[in-house]
């Protein structure tokens, strides 16, 4: 089994928010359904590199972070059916495009803490996971999930889902291999 995490793909557009609190709200998704009381957050699309001023390539998945998958226009229609069994698609408000955010709702107790590399605070709370090791038995072959140790953090994708998403031919999305059961 191979498990992946979102990774930015080159020089593509990114998501912006006018209000820092709105951006923070997007980062607080903790695998709890928000659809019933969701108020679309106003966002924009960053089209130039903040350091160089160079134009960025159009993204079907504007970058926000590895903890959040943002979908634009065609990606909502094509990737939505791949994602929906594992969460909900929440609309965002954008003057330039139809934009949505994927909120994963599957939480699997799949982290093998004994073999992962964890850094803890002095009180024992988890600070960071430096190396992930998963229990293959705890993860279905086709899944998008979070783990209880990082409910507001990382989102994990199994290889069949990654292959489906890559196969759509949409721009601005890539994944990095995080864990391979054959390598451990």
N, C-alpha and C. Protein backbone atom coordinates (compact mmCIF):
# COMPACT_ATOMS: atom_id res chain seq x y z
N UNK A 1 0.84 -1.18 0.00
CA UNK A 1 0.00 0.00 0.00
C UNK A 1 0.89 1.24 0.00
N UNK A 2 0.43 2.23 -0.76
CA UNK A 2 1.16 3.50 -0.82
C UNK A 2 0.20 4.63 -0.47
N UNK A 3 0.68 5.54 0.37
CA UNK A 3 -0.13 6.67 0.83
C UNK A 3 0.61 7.96 0.47
N UNK A 4 -0.17 8.92 -0.03
CA UNK A 4 0.35 10.18 -0.55
C UNK A 4 -0.23 11.37 0.19
N UNK A 5 0.41 12.52 -0.02
CA UNK A 5 -0.06 13.79 0.50
C UNK A 5 0.01 14.81 -0.65
N UNK A 6 -0.88 15.81 -0.61
CA UNK A 6 -0.85 16.86 -1.63
C UNK A 6 0.50 17.54 -1.66
N UNK A 7 0.88 17.97 -2.85
CA UNK A 7 2.15 18.65 -3.02
C UNK A 7 1.97 19.68 -4.14
N UNK A 8 2.47 20.90 -4.00
CA UNK A 8 2.27 21.89 -5.06
C UNK A 8 2.98 21.47 -6.35
N UNK A 9 2.32 21.69 -7.45
CA UNK A 9 2.83 21.28 -8.75
C UNK A 9 3.32 22.50 -9.53
N UNK A 10 4.54 22.87 -9.36
CA UNK A 10 5.14 23.93 -10.16
C UNK A 10 4.61 25.32 -9.88
N UNK A 11 4.62 26.13 -10.90
CA UNK A 11 4.29 27.55 -10.79
C UNK A 11 2.83 27.80 -11.15
N UNK A 12 1.94 27.32 -10.28
CA UNK A 12 0.51 27.47 -10.52
C UNK A 12 -0.12 28.47 -9.56
N UNK A 13 -1.32 28.92 -9.92
CA UNK A 13 -2.08 29.85 -9.10
C UNK A 13 -2.33 29.29 -7.70
N UNK A 14 -2.63 30.21 -6.78
CA UNK A 14 -2.88 29.83 -5.40
C UNK A 14 -4.11 30.57 -4.90
N UNK A 15 -4.68 30.09 -3.81
CA UNK A 15 -5.86 30.70 -3.23
C UNK A 15 -5.45 31.80 -2.26
N UNK A 16 -6.19 32.90 -2.29
CA UNK A 16 -5.96 34.00 -1.36
C UNK A 16 -7.27 34.30 -0.63
N UNK A 17 -7.17 34.96 0.49
CA UNK A 17 -8.35 35.42 1.22
C UNK A 17 -8.11 36.86 1.64
N UNK A 18 -9.14 37.67 1.52
CA UNK A 18 -9.01 39.08 1.90
C UNK A 18 -8.85 39.23 3.41
N UNK A 19 -9.50 38.35 4.14
CA UNK A 19 -9.51 38.43 5.60
C UNK A 19 -8.73 37.25 6.18
N UNK A 20 -7.75 37.51 7.00
CA UNK A 20 -6.93 36.46 7.62
C UNK A 20 -7.79 35.48 8.41
N UNK A 21 -8.86 35.96 9.04
CA UNK A 21 -9.76 35.07 9.80
C UNK A 21 -10.43 34.06 8.88
N UNK A 22 -10.77 34.49 7.66
CA UNK A 22 -11.38 33.57 6.70
C UNK A 22 -10.40 32.47 6.32
N UNK A 23 -9.16 32.85 6.08
CA UNK A 23 -8.14 31.87 5.74
C UNK A 23 -7.94 30.89 6.90
N UNK A 24 -7.98 31.41 8.11
CA UNK A 24 -7.86 30.55 9.29
C UNK A 24 -9.02 29.56 9.38
N UNK A 25 -10.22 30.02 9.03
CA UNK A 25 -11.39 29.14 9.04
C UNK A 25 -11.20 27.96 8.09
N UNK A 26 -10.61 28.22 6.93
CA UNK A 26 -10.36 27.15 5.97
C UNK A 26 -9.36 26.14 6.52
N UNK A 27 -8.46 26.58 7.36
CA UNK A 27 -7.46 25.70 7.94
C UNK A 27 -7.94 24.94 9.16
N UNK A 28 -9.15 25.22 9.62
CA UNK A 28 -9.67 24.57 10.82
C UNK A 28 -10.59 23.39 10.53
N UNK A 29 -10.63 22.96 9.29
CA UNK A 29 -11.46 21.80 8.97
C UNK A 29 -10.89 20.58 9.67
N UNK A 30 -11.71 19.95 10.49
CA UNK A 30 -11.23 18.86 11.36
C UNK A 30 -11.99 17.55 11.15
N UNK A 31 -12.40 17.30 9.92
CA UNK A 31 -13.13 16.08 9.56
C UNK A 31 -14.53 16.05 10.16
N UNK A 32 -15.06 17.22 10.46
CA UNK A 32 -16.44 17.37 10.92
C UNK A 32 -17.23 17.97 9.77
N UNK A 33 -18.42 17.45 9.53
CA UNK A 33 -19.25 17.98 8.45
C UNK A 33 -19.60 19.44 8.73
N UNK A 34 -19.47 20.26 7.69
CA UNK A 34 -19.80 21.68 7.79
C UNK A 34 -20.94 22.07 6.86
N UNK A 35 -21.40 21.15 6.04
CA UNK A 35 -22.35 21.47 4.98
C UNK A 35 -23.61 22.15 5.49
N UNK A 36 -24.16 21.72 6.61
CA UNK A 36 -25.43 22.25 7.10
C UNK A 36 -25.37 23.73 7.45
N UNK A 37 -24.23 24.19 7.97
CA UNK A 37 -24.15 25.59 8.40
C UNK A 37 -23.03 26.36 7.70
N UNK A 38 -22.61 25.87 6.54
CA UNK A 38 -21.49 26.46 5.82
C UNK A 38 -21.88 27.81 5.20
N UNK A 39 -21.10 28.81 5.46
CA UNK A 39 -21.23 30.11 4.79
C UNK A 39 -20.00 30.26 3.90
N UNK A 40 -20.19 30.33 2.59
CA UNK A 40 -19.04 30.40 1.68
C UNK A 40 -18.09 31.54 2.04
N UNK A 41 -16.82 31.22 2.13
CA UNK A 41 -15.76 32.17 2.47
C UNK A 41 -15.35 32.91 1.20
N UNK A 42 -15.24 34.25 1.26
CA UNK A 42 -14.77 34.99 0.09
C UNK A 42 -13.27 34.78 -0.12
N UNK A 43 -12.91 34.40 -1.35
CA UNK A 43 -11.51 34.13 -1.69
C UNK A 43 -11.18 34.76 -3.03
N UNK A 44 -9.90 34.78 -3.34
CA UNK A 44 -9.42 35.22 -4.63
C UNK A 44 -8.40 34.23 -5.14
N UNK A 45 -7.93 34.46 -6.33
CA UNK A 45 -6.92 33.59 -6.93
C UNK A 45 -5.67 34.42 -7.19
N UNK A 46 -4.56 34.01 -6.58
CA UNK A 46 -3.28 34.66 -6.81
C UNK A 46 -2.73 34.23 -8.15
N UNK A 47 -2.50 35.18 -9.03
CA UNK A 47 -2.08 34.85 -10.39
C UNK A 47 -0.63 35.24 -10.70
N UNK A 48 0.04 35.87 -9.74
CA UNK A 48 1.45 36.23 -9.94
C UNK A 48 2.28 35.75 -8.76
N UNK A 49 3.51 35.38 -9.05
CA UNK A 49 4.44 34.95 -8.02
C UNK A 49 4.72 36.13 -7.09
N UNK A 50 4.54 35.93 -5.80
CA UNK A 50 4.70 37.02 -4.83
C UNK A 50 6.13 37.51 -4.72
N UNK A 51 7.09 36.67 -5.03
CA UNK A 51 8.50 37.06 -4.93
C UNK A 51 9.02 37.72 -6.21
N UNK A 52 8.65 37.15 -7.37
CA UNK A 52 9.23 37.63 -8.63
C UNK A 52 8.27 38.49 -9.47
N UNK A 53 6.98 38.41 -9.18
CA UNK A 53 6.00 39.12 -9.98
C UNK A 53 5.68 38.43 -11.30
N UNK A 54 6.26 37.27 -11.53
CA UNK A 54 6.01 36.51 -12.76
C UNK A 54 4.59 35.94 -12.75
N UNK A 55 3.97 35.87 -13.92
CA UNK A 55 2.63 35.27 -13.96
C UNK A 55 2.68 33.77 -13.66
N UNK A 56 1.66 33.29 -12.99
CA UNK A 56 1.55 31.87 -12.67
C UNK A 56 0.62 31.20 -13.67
N UNK A 57 0.80 29.90 -13.83
CA UNK A 57 -0.04 29.13 -14.74
C UNK A 57 -1.42 28.90 -14.11
N UNK A 58 -2.44 28.81 -14.95
CA UNK A 58 -3.79 28.58 -14.49
C UNK A 58 -3.89 27.21 -13.82
N UNK A 59 -4.53 27.16 -12.66
CA UNK A 59 -4.65 25.92 -11.91
C UNK A 59 -6.11 25.49 -11.79
N UNK A 60 -6.36 24.21 -12.05
CA UNK A 60 -7.68 23.64 -11.76
C UNK A 60 -7.80 23.37 -10.26
N UNK A 61 -6.64 23.27 -9.60
CA UNK A 61 -6.56 23.08 -8.16
C UNK A 61 -5.65 24.16 -7.58
N UNK A 62 -6.15 25.38 -7.37
CA UNK A 62 -5.30 26.43 -6.80
C UNK A 62 -4.75 25.98 -5.43
N UNK A 63 -3.50 26.25 -5.19
CA UNK A 63 -2.82 25.79 -3.98
C UNK A 63 -3.26 26.59 -2.76
N UNK A 64 -3.54 25.87 -1.68
CA UNK A 64 -3.79 26.49 -0.38
C UNK A 64 -2.86 25.88 0.65
N UNK A 65 -2.69 24.58 0.62
CA UNK A 65 -1.82 23.88 1.55
C UNK A 65 -2.03 22.39 1.44
N UNK A 66 -1.13 21.60 2.00
CA UNK A 66 -1.25 20.15 1.92
C UNK A 66 -2.43 19.63 2.73
N UNK A 67 -2.97 20.46 3.58
CA UNK A 67 -4.10 20.09 4.43
C UNK A 67 -5.44 20.42 3.77
N UNK A 68 -5.41 20.95 2.54
CA UNK A 68 -6.65 21.43 1.94
C UNK A 68 -6.60 21.33 0.42
N UNK A 69 -7.62 20.71 -0.15
CA UNK A 69 -7.73 20.60 -1.60
C UNK A 69 -8.78 21.59 -2.09
N UNK A 70 -8.35 22.53 -2.93
CA UNK A 70 -9.23 23.54 -3.52
C UNK A 70 -9.49 23.15 -4.96
N UNK A 71 -10.75 23.25 -5.38
CA UNK A 71 -11.15 22.88 -6.73
C UNK A 71 -11.72 24.10 -7.45
N UNK A 72 -11.41 24.18 -8.73
CA UNK A 72 -11.88 25.31 -9.53
C UNK A 72 -12.63 24.77 -10.75
N UNK A 73 -13.76 25.39 -11.06
CA UNK A 73 -14.54 25.13 -12.27
C UNK A 73 -14.58 23.65 -12.65
N UNK A 74 -13.82 23.28 -13.68
CA UNK A 74 -13.85 21.92 -14.23
C UNK A 74 -13.44 20.87 -13.19
N UNK A 75 -12.55 21.21 -12.28
CA UNK A 75 -12.14 20.24 -11.26
C UNK A 75 -13.31 19.87 -10.35
N UNK A 76 -14.19 20.83 -10.08
CA UNK A 76 -15.38 20.53 -9.26
C UNK A 76 -16.20 19.45 -9.95
N UNK A 77 -16.39 19.61 -11.26
CA UNK A 77 -17.21 18.66 -12.00
C UNK A 77 -16.54 17.30 -12.19
N UNK A 78 -15.23 17.30 -12.48
CA UNK A 78 -14.54 16.05 -12.78
C UNK A 78 -14.02 15.33 -11.53
N UNK A 79 -13.42 16.07 -10.61
CA UNK A 79 -12.84 15.44 -9.42
C UNK A 79 -13.88 15.26 -8.31
N UNK A 80 -14.93 16.07 -8.34
CA UNK A 80 -15.98 15.98 -7.31
C UNK A 80 -16.48 14.56 -7.08
N UNK A 81 -16.85 13.82 -8.14
CA UNK A 81 -17.32 12.45 -7.94
C UNK A 81 -16.27 11.50 -7.34
N UNK A 82 -15.00 11.76 -7.60
CA UNK A 82 -13.93 10.95 -7.00
C UNK A 82 -13.83 11.24 -5.51
N UNK A 83 -14.00 12.51 -5.13
CA UNK A 83 -13.81 12.95 -3.75
C UNK A 83 -15.02 12.71 -2.85
N UNK A 84 -16.22 12.85 -3.38
CA UNK A 84 -17.43 12.87 -2.56
C UNK A 84 -17.65 11.64 -1.67
N UNK A 85 -17.21 10.43 -2.04
CA UNK A 85 -17.39 9.32 -1.09
C UNK A 85 -16.60 9.50 0.21
N UNK A 86 -15.66 10.44 0.22
CA UNK A 86 -14.76 10.61 1.37
C UNK A 86 -14.95 11.94 2.09
N UNK A 87 -15.90 12.75 1.65
CA UNK A 87 -16.09 14.05 2.28
C UNK A 87 -17.13 14.87 1.58
N UNK A 88 -17.02 16.17 1.74
CA UNK A 88 -18.00 17.08 1.16
C UNK A 88 -17.29 18.21 0.41
N UNK A 89 -17.96 18.71 -0.61
CA UNK A 89 -17.45 19.81 -1.40
C UNK A 89 -18.16 21.07 -0.92
N UNK A 90 -17.40 22.02 -0.38
CA UNK A 90 -17.97 23.24 0.18
C UNK A 90 -17.68 24.41 -0.75
N UNK A 91 -18.71 25.15 -1.17
CA UNK A 91 -18.48 26.27 -2.09
C UNK A 91 -17.77 27.43 -1.40
N UNK A 92 -16.96 28.13 -2.17
CA UNK A 92 -16.32 29.37 -1.74
C UNK A 92 -16.83 30.47 -2.67
N UNK A 93 -16.70 31.71 -2.25
CA UNK A 93 -17.13 32.83 -3.07
C UNK A 93 -15.91 33.48 -3.71
N UNK A 94 -15.92 33.51 -5.05
CA UNK A 94 -14.79 34.09 -5.78
C UNK A 94 -15.33 34.85 -6.98
N UNK A 95 -14.90 36.09 -7.20
CA UNK A 95 -15.41 36.85 -8.34
C UNK A 95 -14.90 36.36 -9.69
N UNK A 96 -13.82 35.58 -9.70
CA UNK A 96 -13.18 35.19 -10.96
C UNK A 96 -13.46 33.77 -11.42
N UNK A 97 -14.02 32.93 -10.54
CA UNK A 97 -14.21 31.53 -10.92
C UNK A 97 -15.15 30.85 -9.92
N UNK A 98 -15.64 29.70 -10.31
CA UNK A 98 -16.39 28.85 -9.39
C UNK A 98 -15.34 28.06 -8.60
N UNK A 99 -15.33 28.23 -7.29
CA UNK A 99 -14.30 27.63 -6.43
C UNK A 99 -14.98 26.86 -5.30
N UNK A 100 -14.38 25.74 -4.92
CA UNK A 100 -14.89 24.95 -3.80
C UNK A 100 -13.71 24.35 -3.04
N UNK A 101 -14.01 23.92 -1.84
CA UNK A 101 -13.02 23.33 -0.95
C UNK A 101 -13.49 21.93 -0.58
N UNK A 102 -12.59 20.97 -0.64
CA UNK A 102 -12.92 19.61 -0.23
C UNK A 102 -12.67 19.47 1.26
N UNK A 103 -13.68 19.03 1.99
CA UNK A 103 -13.58 18.79 3.42
C UNK A 103 -13.64 17.28 3.66
N UNK A 104 -12.49 16.62 3.87
CA UNK A 104 -12.51 15.17 4.11
C UNK A 104 -13.18 14.86 5.45
N UNK A 105 -14.01 13.81 5.45
CA UNK A 105 -14.75 13.45 6.66
C UNK A 105 -14.36 12.10 7.24
N UNK A 106 -13.47 11.38 6.56
CA UNK A 106 -13.04 10.07 7.03
C UNK A 106 -11.85 10.25 7.97
N UNK A 107 -11.97 9.70 9.17
CA UNK A 107 -10.87 9.69 10.14
C UNK A 107 -10.55 8.23 10.44
N UNK A 108 -9.31 7.84 10.18
CA UNK A 108 -8.89 6.46 10.42
C UNK A 108 -7.79 6.45 11.48
N UNK A 109 -7.93 5.57 12.44
CA UNK A 109 -6.89 5.40 13.46
C UNK A 109 -5.83 4.48 12.85
N UNK A 110 -5.08 5.04 11.91
CA UNK A 110 -4.18 4.24 11.08
C UNK A 110 -2.70 4.53 11.32
N UNK A 111 -2.37 5.54 12.11
CA UNK A 111 -0.97 5.87 12.35
C UNK A 111 -0.36 4.85 13.31
N UNK A 112 0.73 4.25 12.90
CA UNK A 112 1.48 3.34 13.77
C UNK A 112 2.46 4.20 14.56
N UNK A 113 2.03 4.63 15.73
CA UNK A 113 2.85 5.55 16.53
C UNK A 113 4.17 4.92 16.96
N UNK A 114 4.20 3.61 17.14
CA UNK A 114 5.43 2.96 17.59
C UNK A 114 6.53 2.99 16.54
N UNK A 115 6.16 3.05 15.27
CA UNK A 115 7.16 3.04 14.20
C UNK A 115 7.30 4.39 13.49
N UNK A 116 6.37 5.30 13.73
CA UNK A 116 6.47 6.65 13.18
C UNK A 116 7.47 7.44 14.00
N UNK A 117 7.94 8.55 13.46
CA UNK A 117 8.82 9.43 14.22
C UNK A 117 8.00 10.64 14.67
N UNK A 118 7.72 10.68 15.96
CA UNK A 118 6.89 11.72 16.55
C UNK A 118 7.73 12.62 17.45
N UNK A 119 7.40 13.90 17.45
CA UNK A 119 8.01 14.84 18.38
C UNK A 119 6.88 15.32 19.28
N UNK A 120 7.11 15.23 20.57
CA UNK A 120 6.06 15.61 21.53
C UNK A 120 6.52 16.79 22.37
N UNK A 121 5.52 17.54 22.82
CA UNK A 121 5.78 18.59 23.80
C UNK A 121 6.12 17.95 25.14
N UNK A 122 6.69 18.69 26.09
CA UNK A 122 7.02 18.11 27.40
C UNK A 122 5.83 17.48 28.11
N UNK A 123 4.61 17.99 27.85
CA UNK A 123 3.43 17.42 28.51
C UNK A 123 2.93 16.15 27.82
N UNK A 124 3.59 15.74 26.72
CA UNK A 124 3.21 14.52 26.02
C UNK A 124 2.34 14.73 24.80
N UNK A 125 1.79 15.92 24.63
CA UNK A 125 0.98 16.20 23.44
C UNK A 125 1.84 16.16 22.19
N UNK A 126 1.22 15.78 21.09
CA UNK A 126 1.93 15.68 19.83
C UNK A 126 2.27 17.07 19.28
N UNK A 127 3.53 17.28 18.92
CA UNK A 127 3.97 18.53 18.31
C UNK A 127 3.98 18.38 16.79
N UNK A 128 4.68 17.35 16.31
CA UNK A 128 4.82 17.15 14.87
C UNK A 128 5.12 15.67 14.59
N UNK A 129 4.71 15.24 13.42
CA UNK A 129 5.05 13.89 12.95
C UNK A 129 6.11 14.06 11.87
N UNK A 130 7.31 13.58 12.15
CA UNK A 130 8.42 13.74 11.21
C UNK A 130 8.45 12.64 10.16
N UNK A 131 7.98 11.45 10.54
CA UNK A 131 7.90 10.33 9.60
C UNK A 131 6.64 9.55 9.91
N UNK A 132 5.83 9.37 8.87
CA UNK A 132 4.58 8.63 9.02
C UNK A 132 4.79 7.16 8.69
N UNK A 133 4.27 6.31 9.55
CA UNK A 133 4.16 4.88 9.27
C UNK A 133 2.71 4.51 9.60
N UNK A 134 2.08 3.84 8.66
CA UNK A 134 0.67 3.50 8.82
C UNK A 134 0.49 2.00 9.00
N UNK A 135 -0.64 1.62 9.54
CA UNK A 135 -1.04 0.23 9.62
C UNK A 135 -1.87 -0.06 8.37
N UNK A 136 -1.37 -0.88 7.48
CA UNK A 136 -2.08 -1.20 6.24
C UNK A 136 -3.46 -1.76 6.51
N UNK A 137 -3.59 -2.51 7.58
CA UNK A 137 -4.89 -3.13 7.91
C UNK A 137 -5.95 -2.09 8.23
N UNK A 138 -5.55 -0.92 8.66
CA UNK A 138 -6.50 0.11 9.08
C UNK A 138 -6.95 1.02 7.94
N UNK A 139 -6.34 0.87 6.76
CA UNK A 139 -6.63 1.78 5.65
C UNK A 139 -7.24 0.99 4.49
N UNK A 140 -8.46 1.35 4.08
CA UNK A 140 -9.03 0.71 2.89
C UNK A 140 -8.18 1.02 1.67
N UNK A 141 -8.23 0.16 0.67
CA UNK A 141 -7.40 0.33 -0.52
C UNK A 141 -7.66 1.68 -1.20
N UNK A 142 -8.89 2.10 -1.24
CA UNK A 142 -9.28 3.36 -1.88
C UNK A 142 -9.83 4.27 -0.80
N UNK A 143 -9.05 5.32 -0.46
CA UNK A 143 -9.49 6.19 0.63
C UNK A 143 -8.81 7.55 0.59
N UNK A 144 -9.51 8.53 1.15
CA UNK A 144 -8.95 9.83 1.49
C UNK A 144 -9.30 9.99 2.96
N UNK A 145 -8.30 10.29 3.79
CA UNK A 145 -8.58 10.29 5.22
C UNK A 145 -7.66 11.22 6.00
N UNK A 146 -8.07 11.45 7.23
CA UNK A 146 -7.26 12.13 8.23
C UNK A 146 -7.02 11.14 9.36
N UNK A 147 -6.12 11.50 10.26
CA UNK A 147 -5.86 10.65 11.42
C UNK A 147 -6.24 11.42 12.68
N UNK A 148 -6.63 10.73 13.74
CA UNK A 148 -7.07 11.43 14.95
C UNK A 148 -5.99 12.32 15.57
N UNK A 149 -4.73 11.99 15.34
CA UNK A 149 -3.63 12.78 15.90
C UNK A 149 -3.51 14.15 15.24
N UNK A 150 -4.06 14.31 14.03
CA UNK A 150 -3.95 15.57 13.27
C UNK A 150 -5.27 15.87 12.56
N UNK A 151 -6.34 15.95 13.30
CA UNK A 151 -7.66 16.13 12.66
C UNK A 151 -7.75 17.42 11.85
N UNK A 152 -7.03 18.46 12.24
CA UNK A 152 -7.05 19.71 11.48
C UNK A 152 -5.84 19.82 10.57
N UNK A 153 -5.09 18.74 10.45
CA UNK A 153 -3.85 18.80 9.69
C UNK A 153 -3.90 18.03 8.39
N UNK A 154 -2.91 17.23 8.20
CA UNK A 154 -2.65 16.53 6.95
C UNK A 154 -3.85 15.71 6.47
N UNK A 155 -3.96 15.63 5.15
CA UNK A 155 -4.94 14.78 4.48
C UNK A 155 -4.14 13.73 3.71
N UNK A 156 -4.58 12.49 3.77
CA UNK A 156 -3.87 11.39 3.15
C UNK A 156 -4.72 10.75 2.05
N UNK A 157 -4.04 10.33 0.97
CA UNK A 157 -4.70 9.77 -0.20
C UNK A 157 -4.04 8.43 -0.52
N UNK A 158 -4.84 7.39 -0.73
CA UNK A 158 -4.26 6.12 -1.15
C UNK A 158 -3.99 6.15 -2.66
N UNK A 159 -3.13 5.27 -3.11
CA UNK A 159 -2.68 5.29 -4.50
C UNK A 159 -3.80 5.19 -5.53
N UNK A 160 -4.82 4.34 -5.35
CA UNK A 160 -5.88 4.31 -6.36
C UNK A 160 -6.59 5.65 -6.53
N UNK A 161 -6.80 6.40 -5.46
CA UNK A 161 -7.43 7.71 -5.55
C UNK A 161 -6.49 8.69 -6.24
N UNK A 162 -5.22 8.66 -5.89
CA UNK A 162 -4.22 9.52 -6.53
C UNK A 162 -4.20 9.25 -8.04
N UNK A 163 -4.20 7.98 -8.42
CA UNK A 163 -4.19 7.63 -9.84
C UNK A 163 -5.43 8.17 -10.55
N UNK A 164 -6.59 8.06 -9.90
CA UNK A 164 -7.83 8.60 -10.50
C UNK A 164 -7.74 10.11 -10.69
N UNK A 165 -7.28 10.81 -9.66
CA UNK A 165 -7.19 12.27 -9.74
C UNK A 165 -6.16 12.70 -10.78
N UNK A 166 -5.02 12.06 -10.81
CA UNK A 166 -4.00 12.38 -11.82
C UNK A 166 -4.52 12.10 -13.22
N UNK A 167 -5.31 11.03 -13.35
CA UNK A 167 -5.83 10.62 -14.65
C UNK A 167 -6.84 11.59 -15.25
N UNK A 168 -7.32 12.53 -14.48
CA UNK A 168 -8.28 13.50 -14.98
C UNK A 168 -7.62 14.55 -15.89
N UNK A 169 -6.29 14.66 -15.82
CA UNK A 169 -5.57 15.58 -16.68
C UNK A 169 -5.75 17.04 -16.31
N UNK A 170 -6.04 17.31 -15.05
CA UNK A 170 -6.25 18.67 -14.58
C UNK A 170 -4.93 19.26 -14.07
N UNK A 171 -4.82 20.57 -14.13
CA UNK A 171 -3.55 21.24 -13.82
C UNK A 171 -3.47 21.73 -12.38
N UNK A 172 -2.24 21.72 -11.86
CA UNK A 172 -1.96 22.33 -10.58
C UNK A 172 -2.04 21.40 -9.40
N UNK A 173 -2.09 20.11 -9.65
CA UNK A 173 -2.23 19.14 -8.56
C UNK A 173 -1.17 18.06 -8.70
N UNK A 174 -0.49 17.81 -7.61
CA UNK A 174 0.39 16.66 -7.58
C UNK A 174 0.45 16.14 -6.16
N UNK A 175 1.05 15.00 -6.02
CA UNK A 175 1.14 14.32 -4.74
C UNK A 175 2.57 13.87 -4.53
N UNK A 176 2.97 13.80 -3.27
CA UNK A 176 4.26 13.19 -2.97
C UNK A 176 4.00 11.93 -2.15
N UNK A 177 4.81 10.93 -2.42
CA UNK A 177 4.70 9.68 -1.68
C UNK A 177 5.13 9.92 -0.24
N UNK A 178 4.27 9.56 0.68
CA UNK A 178 4.55 9.75 2.10
C UNK A 178 4.95 8.45 2.77
N UNK A 179 4.34 7.35 2.31
CA UNK A 179 4.61 6.06 2.94
C UNK A 179 4.32 4.94 1.96
N UNK A 180 5.21 3.95 1.97
CA UNK A 180 5.06 2.77 1.13
C UNK A 180 5.24 1.55 2.02
N UNK A 181 4.22 0.72 2.13
CA UNK A 181 4.29 -0.44 3.01
C UNK A 181 5.41 -1.39 2.61
N UNK A 182 5.77 -1.42 1.33
CA UNK A 182 6.84 -2.31 0.88
C UNK A 182 8.22 -1.81 1.28
N UNK A 183 8.33 -0.52 1.62
CA UNK A 183 9.63 0.06 2.00
C UNK A 183 9.91 -0.11 3.48
N UNK A 184 8.89 -0.38 4.27
CA UNK A 184 9.11 -0.52 5.74
C UNK A 184 9.43 -1.94 6.12
